[in-house]
Amino acid sequence: MDTWARQQGLSRLELTVVVDNEAGLALYKKAGFVIEGVKKHSLLINGDFLDEYYMGKLLG
């Protein structure tokens, strides 16, 4: 995805991941993403509000 994004002239990638998703968080960190913030109560799943990390990766 990094190669494609650079070819399109993008300077950054962004994503969100549920804070409890340890496997996903580890994968994204390994790929160079960093946590830029927290979205509190951003999702309602099975009656529970969940927080998400807002993550970004600079390409340039």
N, C-alpha and C. Protein backbone atom coordinates (compact mmCIF):
# COMPACT_ATOMS: atom_id res chain seq x y z
N MET A 1 0.82 -1.18 0.00
CA MET A 1 0.00 0.00 0.00
C MET A 1 0.87 1.25 0.00
N ASP A 2 2.00 1.20 0.71
CA ASP A 2 2.89 2.37 0.75
C ASP A 2 3.31 2.78 -0.66
N THR A 3 3.70 1.79 -1.47
CA THR A 3 4.15 2.08 -2.83
C THR A 3 3.04 2.73 -3.64
N TRP A 4 1.85 2.15 -3.58
CA TRP A 4 0.71 2.71 -4.31
C TRP A 4 0.43 4.13 -3.85
N ALA A 5 0.42 4.36 -2.53
CA ALA A 5 0.12 5.68 -1.99
C ALA A 5 1.14 6.71 -2.46
N ARG A 6 2.41 6.34 -2.47
CA ARG A 6 3.44 7.26 -2.95
C ARG A 6 3.25 7.57 -4.43
N GLN A 7 2.91 6.54 -5.21
CA GLN A 7 2.67 6.73 -6.64
C GLN A 7 1.50 7.67 -6.90
N GLN A 8 0.56 7.71 -5.98
CA GLN A 8 -0.60 8.60 -6.10
C GLN A 8 -0.31 10.00 -5.57
N GLY A 9 0.89 10.21 -5.04
CA GLY A 9 1.27 11.52 -4.52
C GLY A 9 0.81 11.78 -3.10
N LEU A 10 0.44 10.73 -2.38
CA LEU A 10 0.00 10.91 -0.99
C LEU A 10 1.20 11.06 -0.07
N SER A 11 1.03 11.80 0.99
CA SER A 11 2.13 12.03 1.92
C SER A 11 1.94 11.30 3.25
N ARG A 12 0.72 10.73 3.46
CA ARG A 12 0.47 10.02 4.71
C ARG A 12 -0.67 9.03 4.54
N LEU A 13 -0.65 8.04 5.42
CA LEU A 13 -1.74 7.07 5.53
C LEU A 13 -2.33 7.19 6.91
N GLU A 14 -3.62 6.91 7.05
CA GLU A 14 -4.30 7.01 8.33
C GLU A 14 -5.19 5.79 8.53
N LEU A 15 -5.43 5.44 9.79
CA LEU A 15 -6.34 4.34 10.11
C LEU A 15 -6.80 4.49 11.55
N THR A 16 -7.83 3.72 11.90
CA THR A 16 -8.24 3.61 13.29
C THR A 16 -8.26 2.14 13.65
N VAL A 17 -8.01 1.85 14.92
CA VAL A 17 -8.03 0.48 15.42
C VAL A 17 -8.57 0.52 16.85
N VAL A 18 -9.42 -0.45 17.19
CA VAL A 18 -9.97 -0.54 18.54
C VAL A 18 -8.82 -0.76 19.52
N VAL A 19 -8.82 -0.04 20.62
CA VAL A 19 -7.69 -0.08 21.56
C VAL A 19 -7.42 -1.48 22.10
N ASP A 20 -8.44 -2.33 22.18
CA ASP A 20 -8.26 -3.69 22.70
C ASP A 20 -7.72 -4.66 21.65
N ASN A 21 -7.60 -4.24 20.42
CA ASN A 21 -7.13 -5.11 19.33
C ASN A 21 -5.60 -5.14 19.34
N GLU A 22 -5.03 -5.93 20.24
CA GLU A 22 -3.58 -5.95 20.43
C GLU A 22 -2.85 -6.46 19.20
N ALA A 23 -3.40 -7.49 18.53
CA ALA A 23 -2.76 -8.03 17.33
C ALA A 23 -2.74 -6.99 16.21
N GLY A 24 -3.86 -6.32 16.00
CA GLY A 24 -3.92 -5.29 14.96
C GLY A 24 -2.99 -4.13 15.27
N LEU A 25 -2.99 -3.71 16.51
CA LEU A 25 -2.13 -2.60 16.92
C LEU A 25 -0.65 -2.95 16.69
N ALA A 26 -0.25 -4.17 17.06
CA ALA A 26 1.13 -4.60 16.86
C ALA A 26 1.49 -4.62 15.37
N LEU A 27 0.57 -5.10 14.55
CA LEU A 27 0.79 -5.15 13.10
C LEU A 27 0.99 -3.75 12.54
N TYR A 28 0.11 -2.82 12.91
CA TYR A 28 0.21 -1.46 12.39
C TYR A 28 1.48 -0.76 12.87
N LYS A 29 1.86 -0.97 14.12
CA LYS A 29 3.11 -0.38 14.62
C LYS A 29 4.31 -0.93 13.85
N LYS A 30 4.29 -2.25 13.59
CA LYS A 30 5.38 -2.87 12.84
C LYS A 30 5.47 -2.29 11.43
N ALA A 31 4.32 -1.88 10.87
CA ALA A 31 4.28 -1.30 9.53
C ALA A 31 4.64 0.18 9.53
N GLY A 32 4.93 0.75 10.72
CA GLY A 32 5.38 2.14 10.79
C GLY A 32 4.34 3.15 11.22
N PHE A 33 3.14 2.71 11.55
CA PHE A 33 2.12 3.63 12.03
C PHE A 33 2.38 4.00 13.49
N VAL A 34 2.00 5.22 13.86
CA VAL A 34 2.13 5.67 15.25
C VAL A 34 0.76 6.17 15.73
N ILE A 35 0.53 6.04 17.02
CA ILE A 35 -0.72 6.51 17.61
C ILE A 35 -0.68 8.03 17.67
N GLU A 36 -1.71 8.66 17.11
CA GLU A 36 -1.79 10.12 17.10
C GLU A 36 -2.89 10.64 18.02
N GLY A 37 -3.76 9.76 18.48
CA GLY A 37 -4.84 10.21 19.36
C GLY A 37 -5.78 9.07 19.69
N VAL A 38 -6.77 9.38 20.51
CA VAL A 38 -7.77 8.41 20.92
C VAL A 38 -9.15 8.97 20.63
N LYS A 39 -10.00 8.17 20.00
CA LYS A 39 -11.39 8.54 19.77
C LYS A 39 -12.21 7.81 20.84
N LYS A 40 -12.66 8.55 21.83
CA LYS A 40 -13.41 7.97 22.95
C LYS A 40 -14.82 7.59 22.52
N HIS A 41 -15.25 6.43 22.96
CA HIS A 41 -16.61 5.92 22.70
C HIS A 41 -16.97 6.05 21.22
N SER A 42 -16.05 5.70 20.34
CA SER A 42 -16.30 5.89 18.91
C SER A 42 -17.15 4.79 18.30
N LEU A 43 -17.24 3.64 18.95
CA LEU A 43 -18.02 2.53 18.43
C LEU A 43 -18.93 1.97 19.51
N LEU A 44 -20.10 1.51 19.12
CA LEU A 44 -21.00 0.82 20.02
C LEU A 44 -21.17 -0.60 19.48
N ILE A 45 -20.56 -1.57 20.18
CA ILE A 45 -20.58 -2.95 19.74
C ILE A 45 -21.12 -3.82 20.87
N ASN A 46 -22.18 -4.55 20.58
CA ASN A 46 -22.81 -5.43 21.58
C ASN A 46 -23.15 -4.68 22.87
N GLY A 47 -23.59 -3.45 22.73
CA GLY A 47 -24.00 -2.67 23.89
C GLY A 47 -22.87 -1.99 24.65
N ASP A 48 -21.64 -2.16 24.19
CA ASP A 48 -20.48 -1.55 24.86
C ASP A 48 -19.87 -0.47 23.97
N PHE A 49 -19.54 0.66 24.58
CA PHE A 49 -18.80 1.70 23.86
C PHE A 49 -17.32 1.35 23.88
N LEU A 50 -16.69 1.44 22.71
CA LEU A 50 -15.27 1.13 22.58
C LEU A 50 -14.51 2.35 22.08
N ASP A 51 -13.29 2.50 22.57
CA ASP A 51 -12.39 3.56 22.11
C ASP A 51 -11.56 3.03 20.94
N GLU A 52 -11.13 3.95 20.10
CA GLU A 52 -10.24 3.61 18.99
C GLU A 52 -9.01 4.49 19.04
N TYR A 53 -7.88 3.92 18.64
CA TYR A 53 -6.68 4.72 18.40
C TYR A 53 -6.76 5.27 16.99
N TYR A 54 -6.40 6.52 16.84
CA TYR A 54 -6.25 7.15 15.54
C TYR A 54 -4.76 7.06 15.22
N MET A 55 -4.40 6.42 14.12
CA MET A 55 -3.00 6.19 13.80
C MET A 55 -2.66 6.79 12.45
N GLY A 56 -1.41 7.19 12.28
CA GLY A 56 -0.95 7.74 11.03
C GLY A 56 0.46 7.30 10.70
N LYS A 57 0.79 7.41 9.44
CA LYS A 57 2.13 7.07 8.97
C LYS A 57 2.53 8.06 7.89
N LEU A 58 3.63 8.77 8.12
CA LEU A 58 4.13 9.72 7.12
C LEU A 58 4.92 8.96 6.07
N LEU A 59 4.71 9.30 4.81
CA LEU A 59 5.37 8.60 3.71
C LEU A 59 6.58 9.35 3.17
N GLY A 60 6.70 10.60 3.48
CA GLY A 60 7.77 11.39 2.91
C GLY A 60 8.90 11.56 3.75
